[in-house]
């Protein structure tokens, strides 16, 4: 009679351990996917802006103008090379280096705010579809969306 009761509940215990391992593994995979998404979902657009800023900081204005989508042979209709140099080159008030100050993701483009010492904040837009670079209409997205950073900043960094 002792051998019959020794195996009582062993299968349920084994099943419980398997379920616990599956839940832990599933939660871990979801956490890794979430962190990966948060870190990498705008990576191609950020690379475009970083490449542009690297060329501006290296004073390679021809290459930066090409990153903008224009060339000296085929200038942009409303943004010729001379105007580009006034905004980004030695003619501007900016002192290198230009750096990214904030990023805001909209539905169709990524807004990247860049700034250099002595210069005003410039808002750039990188289209999600073709990764083209241009000026953003505003420094942050105007569409309705959750602003988690602002929410947590208000909750945890209240001034007394």
C-alpha atoms as a PDB file:
ATOM      1  CA  UNK A   1       0.000   0.000   0.000  1.00  0.00           C
ATOM      2  CA  UNK A   2       2.930   2.366   0.557  1.00  0.00           C
ATOM      3  CA  UNK A   3       4.093   2.162  -3.073  1.00  0.00           C
ATOM      4  CA  UNK A   4       0.676   3.242  -4.355  1.00  0.00           C
ATOM      5  CA  UNK A   5       0.686   6.494  -2.350  1.00  0.00           C
ATOM      6  CA  UNK A   6       4.326   7.291  -3.142  1.00  0.00           C
ATOM      7  CA  UNK A   7       3.461   8.186  -6.772  1.00  0.00           C
ATOM      8  CA  UNK A   8       0.362  10.156  -5.806  1.00  0.00           C
ATOM      9  CA  UNK A   9       0.609  13.748  -7.246  1.00  0.00           C
ATOM     10  CA  UNK A  10       3.903  13.193  -9.087  1.00  0.00           C
ATOM     11  CA  UNK A  11       2.318  13.681 -12.526  1.00  0.00           C
ATOM     12  CA  UNK A  12       0.557  16.893 -11.469  1.00  0.00           C
ATOM     13  CA  UNK A  13       3.790  18.215 -10.003  1.00  0.00           C
ATOM     14  CA  UNK A  14       5.673  17.385 -13.211  1.00  0.00           C
ATOM     15  CA  UNK A  15       2.937  19.044 -15.320  1.00  0.00           C
ATOM     16  CA  UNK A  16       3.081  22.124 -13.074  1.00  0.00           C
ATOM     17  CA  UNK A  17       6.850  22.440 -13.584  1.00  0.00           C
ATOM     18  CA  UNK A  18       6.446  22.165 -17.361  1.00  0.00           C
ATOM     19  CA  UNK A  19       3.738  24.852 -17.389  1.00  0.00           C
ATOM     20  CA  UNK A  20       5.896  27.111 -15.213  1.00  0.00           C
ATOM     21  CA  UNK A  21       8.886  26.688 -17.558  1.00  0.00           C
ATOM     22  CA  UNK A  22       6.744  27.423 -20.624  1.00  0.00           C
ATOM     23  CA  UNK A  23       5.349  30.586 -19.024  1.00  0.00           C
ATOM     24  CA  UNK A  24       8.820  31.803 -17.986  1.00  0.00           C
ATOM     25  CA  UNK A  25      10.252  31.089 -21.455  1.00  0.00           C
ATOM     26  CA  UNK A  26       7.308  32.817 -23.166  1.00  0.00           C
ATOM     27  CA  UNK A  27       7.602  35.860 -20.911  1.00  0.00           C
ATOM     28  CA  UNK A  28      11.345  36.047 -21.530  1.00  0.00           C
ATOM     29  CA  UNK A  29      10.868  35.884 -25.300  1.00  0.00           C
ATOM     30  CA  UNK A  30       8.212  38.616 -25.146  1.00  0.00           C
ATOM     31  CA  UNK A  31      10.487  40.824 -23.016  1.00  0.00           C
ATOM     32  CA  UNK A  32      13.407  40.389 -25.451  1.00  0.00           C
ATOM     33  CA  UNK A  33      11.146  41.142 -28.430  1.00  0.00           C
ATOM     34  CA  UNK A  34       9.768  44.261 -26.743  1.00  0.00           C
ATOM     35  CA  UNK A  35      13.226  45.582 -25.873  1.00  0.00           C
ATOM     36  CA  UNK A  36      14.441  44.803 -29.400  1.00  0.00           C
ATOM     37  CA  UNK A  37      11.490  46.643 -30.909  1.00  0.00           C
ATOM     38  CA  UNK A  38      11.967  49.685 -28.688  1.00  0.00           C
ATOM     39  CA  UNK A  39      15.681  49.874 -29.496  1.00  0.00           C
ATOM     40  CA  UNK A  40      15.614  49.040 -33.205  1.00  0.00           C
ATOM     41  CA  UNK A  41      12.256  50.045 -34.709  1.00  0.00           C
ATOM     42  CA  UNK A  42      13.564  53.384 -36.043  1.00  0.00           C
ATOM     43  CA  UNK A  43      17.137  52.238 -36.621  1.00  0.00           C
ATOM     44  CA  UNK A  44      17.261  52.766 -40.438  1.00  0.00           C
ATOM     45  CA  UNK A  45      15.871  56.298 -40.132  1.00  0.00           C
ATOM     46  CA  UNK A  46      18.300  57.155 -37.329  1.00  0.00           C
ATOM     47  CA  UNK A  47      21.176  55.891 -39.475  1.00  0.00           C
ATOM     48  CA  UNK A  48      20.179  58.305 -42.262  1.00  0.00           C
ATOM     49  CA  UNK A  49      20.277  61.262 -39.849  1.00  0.00           C
ATOM     50  CA  UNK A  50      23.542  60.134 -38.243  1.00  0.00           C
ATOM     51  CA  UNK A  51      25.160  59.748 -41.662  1.00  0.00           C
ATOM     52  CA  UNK A  52      23.964  63.243 -42.617  1.00  0.00           C
ATOM     53  CA  UNK A  53      25.281  64.758 -39.373  1.00  0.00           C
ATOM     54  CA  UNK A  54      28.603  62.927 -39.736  1.00  0.00           C
ATOM     55  CA  UNK A  55      29.058  64.514 -43.173  1.00  0.00           C
ATOM     56  CA  UNK A  56      28.065  67.960 -41.881  1.00  0.00           C
ATOM     57  CA  UNK A  57      30.465  67.654 -38.925  1.00  0.00           C
ATOM     58  CA  UNK A  58      33.249  66.517 -41.283  1.00  0.00           C
ATOM     59  CA  UNK A  59      32.501  69.556 -43.496  1.00  0.00           C
ATOM     60  CA  UNK A  60      31.619  67.278 -46.427  1.00  0.00           C
ATOM     61  CA  UNK A  61      28.781  69.518 -47.587  1.00  0.00           C
ATOM     62  CA  UNK A  62      28.529  67.961 -51.072  1.00  0.00           C
ATOM     63  CA  UNK A  63      27.969  64.524 -49.528  1.00  0.00           C
ATOM     64  CA  UNK A  64      25.505  65.921 -47.008  1.00  0.00           C
ATOM     65  CA  UNK A  65      23.592  67.670 -49.799  1.00  0.00           C
ATOM     66  CA  UNK A  66      23.388  64.311 -51.593  1.00  0.00           C
ATOM     67  CA  UNK A  67      22.070  62.726 -48.383  1.00  0.00           C
ATOM     68  CA  UNK A  68      19.389  65.419 -48.508  1.00  0.00           C
ATOM     69  CA  UNK A  69      18.430  64.018 -51.916  1.00  0.00           C
ATOM     70  CA  UNK A  70      19.915  66.779 -54.060  1.00  0.00           C
ATOM     71  CA  UNK A  71      23.065  67.296 -56.083  1.00  0.00           C
ATOM     72  CA  UNK A  72      24.783  70.394 -57.418  1.00  0.00           C
ATOM     73  CA  UNK A  73      23.931  69.206 -60.964  1.00  0.00           C
ATOM     74  CA  UNK A  74      20.261  68.630 -60.018  1.00  0.00           C
ATOM     75  CA  UNK A  75      19.522  70.905 -57.055  1.00  0.00           C
ATOM     76  CA  UNK A  76      16.294  70.683 -55.119  1.00  0.00           C
ATOM     77  CA  UNK A  77      13.737  73.173 -56.497  1.00  0.00           C
ATOM     78  CA  UNK A  78      13.331  75.175 -53.295  1.00  0.00           C
ATOM     79  CA  UNK A  79      16.634  74.346 -51.608  1.00  0.00           C
ATOM     80  CA  UNK A  80      19.685  75.038 -53.729  1.00  0.00           C
ATOM     81  CA  UNK A  81      23.241  74.361 -52.560  1.00  0.00           C
ATOM     82  CA  UNK A  82      23.911  77.977 -51.539  1.00  0.00           C
ATOM     83  CA  UNK A  83      20.876  77.964 -49.238  1.00  0.00           C
ATOM     84  CA  UNK A  84      22.007  74.573 -47.877  1.00  0.00           C
ATOM     85  CA  UNK A  85      25.444  76.021 -47.064  1.00  0.00           C
ATOM     86  CA  UNK A  86      23.801  78.984 -45.315  1.00  0.00           C
ATOM     87  CA  UNK A  87      21.785  76.595 -43.128  1.00  0.00           C
ATOM     88  CA  UNK A  88      24.387  73.926 -42.431  1.00  0.00           C
ATOM     89  CA  UNK A  89      27.775  75.198 -43.528  1.00  0.00           C
ATOM     90  CA  UNK A  90      30.253  77.834 -42.417  1.00  0.00           C
ATOM     91  CA  UNK A  91      27.689  80.551 -43.152  1.00  0.00           C
ATOM     92  CA  UNK A  92      25.491  79.381 -40.286  1.00  0.00           C
ATOM     93  CA  UNK A  93      25.950  80.418 -36.661  1.00  0.00           C
ATOM     94  CA  UNK A  94      26.478  76.804 -35.634  1.00  0.00           C
ATOM     95  CA  UNK A  95      29.717  75.528 -34.248  1.00  0.00           C
ATOM     96  CA  UNK A  96      30.291  71.838 -34.863  1.00  0.00           C
ATOM     97  CA  UNK A  97      29.386  69.239 -33.806  1.00  0.00           C
ATOM     98  CA  UNK A  98      25.735  68.796 -34.651  1.00  0.00           C
ATOM     99  CA  UNK A  99      24.090  66.212 -32.369  1.00  0.00           C
ATOM    100  CA  UNK A 100      20.714  64.534 -32.097  1.00  0.00           C
ATOM    101  CA  UNK A 101      18.786  66.018 -29.178  1.00  0.00           C
ATOM    102  CA  UNK A 102      15.475  64.121 -29.443  1.00  0.00           C
ATOM    103  CA  UNK A 103      13.515  61.723 -31.632  1.00  0.00           C
ATOM    104  CA  UNK A 104       9.764  61.396 -32.129  1.00  0.00           C
ATOM    105  CA  UNK A 105       8.157  58.757 -34.330  1.00  0.00           C
ATOM    106  CA  UNK A 106       5.122  59.697 -36.405  1.00  0.00           C
ATOM    107  CA  UNK A 107       3.062  57.402 -38.633  1.00  0.00           C
ATOM    108  CA  UNK A 108       4.731  58.298 -41.914  1.00  0.00           C
ATOM    109  CA  UNK A 109       8.045  59.819 -40.805  1.00  0.00           C
ATOM    110  CA  UNK A 110      10.519  60.098 -37.963  1.00  0.00           C
ATOM    111  CA  UNK A 111      11.116  63.557 -36.511  1.00  0.00           C
ATOM    112  CA  UNK A 112      14.706  64.047 -35.350  1.00  0.00           C
ATOM    113  CA  UNK A 113      15.661  67.264 -33.583  1.00  0.00           C
ATOM    114  CA  UNK A 114      19.317  68.196 -33.994  1.00  0.00           C
ATOM    115  CA  UNK A 115      21.284  71.011 -32.447  1.00  0.00           C
ATOM    116  CA  UNK A 116      24.768  72.454 -32.406  1.00  0.00           C
ATOM    117  CA  UNK A 117      26.291  75.022 -30.072  1.00  0.00           C
ATOM    118  CA  UNK A 118      25.294  78.489 -31.235  1.00  0.00           C
ATOM    119  CA  UNK A 119      22.515  77.258 -33.514  1.00  0.00           C
ATOM    120  CA  UNK A 120      18.780  76.935 -33.215  1.00  0.00           C
ATOM    121  CA  UNK A 121      17.123  73.574 -32.926  1.00  0.00           C
ATOM    122  CA  UNK A 122      16.569  72.050 -36.379  1.00  0.00           C
ATOM    123  CA  UNK A 123      13.812  69.484 -36.875  1.00  0.00           C
ATOM    124  CA  UNK A 124      14.508  66.910 -39.563  1.00  0.00           C
ATOM    125  CA  UNK A 125      12.070  64.380 -40.984  1.00  0.00           C
ATOM    126  CA  UNK A 126      13.019  60.987 -42.403  1.00  0.00           C
ATOM    127  CA  UNK A 127      10.239  59.292 -44.358  1.00  0.00           C
ATOM    128  CA  UNK A 128       9.620  55.695 -43.292  1.00  0.00           C
ATOM    129  CA  UNK A 129       8.801  54.648 -46.872  1.00  0.00           C
ATOM    130  CA  UNK A 130      11.901  55.750 -48.798  1.00  0.00           C
ATOM    131  CA  UNK A 131      14.238  57.083 -46.044  1.00  0.00           C
ATOM    132  CA  UNK A 132      14.348  60.537 -47.668  1.00  0.00           C
ATOM    133  CA  UNK A 133      15.544  63.430 -45.541  1.00  0.00           C
ATOM    134  CA  UNK A 134      14.000  66.881 -45.227  1.00  0.00           C
ATOM    135  CA  UNK A 135      12.775  69.456 -42.742  1.00  0.00           C
ATOM    136  CA  UNK A 136      10.044  68.378 -40.335  1.00  0.00           C
ATOM    137  CA  UNK A 137       6.863  70.463 -40.041  1.00  0.00           C
ATOM    138  CA  UNK A 138       7.241  70.643 -36.239  1.00  0.00           C
ATOM    139  CA  UNK A 139       9.665  69.578 -33.514  1.00  0.00           C
ATOM    140  CA  UNK A 140       7.339  66.756 -32.448  1.00  0.00           C
ATOM    141  CA  UNK A 141       4.513  64.819 -34.038  1.00  0.00           C
ATOM    142  CA  UNK A 142       1.203  66.612 -34.100  1.00  0.00           C
ATOM    143  CA  UNK A 143      -0.895  63.454 -34.321  1.00  0.00           C
ATOM    144  CA  UNK A 144      -2.585  61.875 -31.327  1.00  0.00           C
ATOM    145  CA  UNK A 145      -0.520  59.163 -29.672  1.00  0.00           C
ATOM    146  CA  UNK A 146       0.678  57.997 -26.307  1.00  0.00           C
ATOM    147  CA  UNK A 147       3.623  59.981 -25.037  1.00  0.00           C
ATOM    148  CA  UNK A 148       5.089  57.553 -22.545  1.00  0.00           C
ATOM    149  CA  UNK A 149       8.266  59.554 -21.926  1.00  0.00           C
ATOM    150  CA  UNK A 150       6.354  62.672 -20.968  1.00  0.00           C
ATOM    151  CA  UNK A 151       3.962  60.619 -18.826  1.00  0.00           C
ATOM    152  CA  UNK A 152       6.722  58.950 -16.804  1.00  0.00           C
ATOM    153  CA  UNK A 153       8.617  62.223 -16.543  1.00  0.00           C
ATOM    154  CA  UNK A 154       5.555  63.896 -15.007  1.00  0.00           C
ATOM    155  CA  UNK A 155       4.868  60.989 -12.651  1.00  0.00           C
ATOM    156  CA  UNK A 156       8.381  60.406 -11.326  1.00  0.00           C
ATOM    157  CA  UNK A 157      10.077  63.814 -11.658  1.00  0.00           C
ATOM    158  CA  UNK A 158       7.595  66.117 -10.041  1.00  0.00           C
ATOM    159  CA  UNK A 159       9.037  69.331  -8.708  1.00  0.00           C
ATOM    160  CA  UNK A 160       7.977  70.209  -5.167  1.00  0.00           C
END
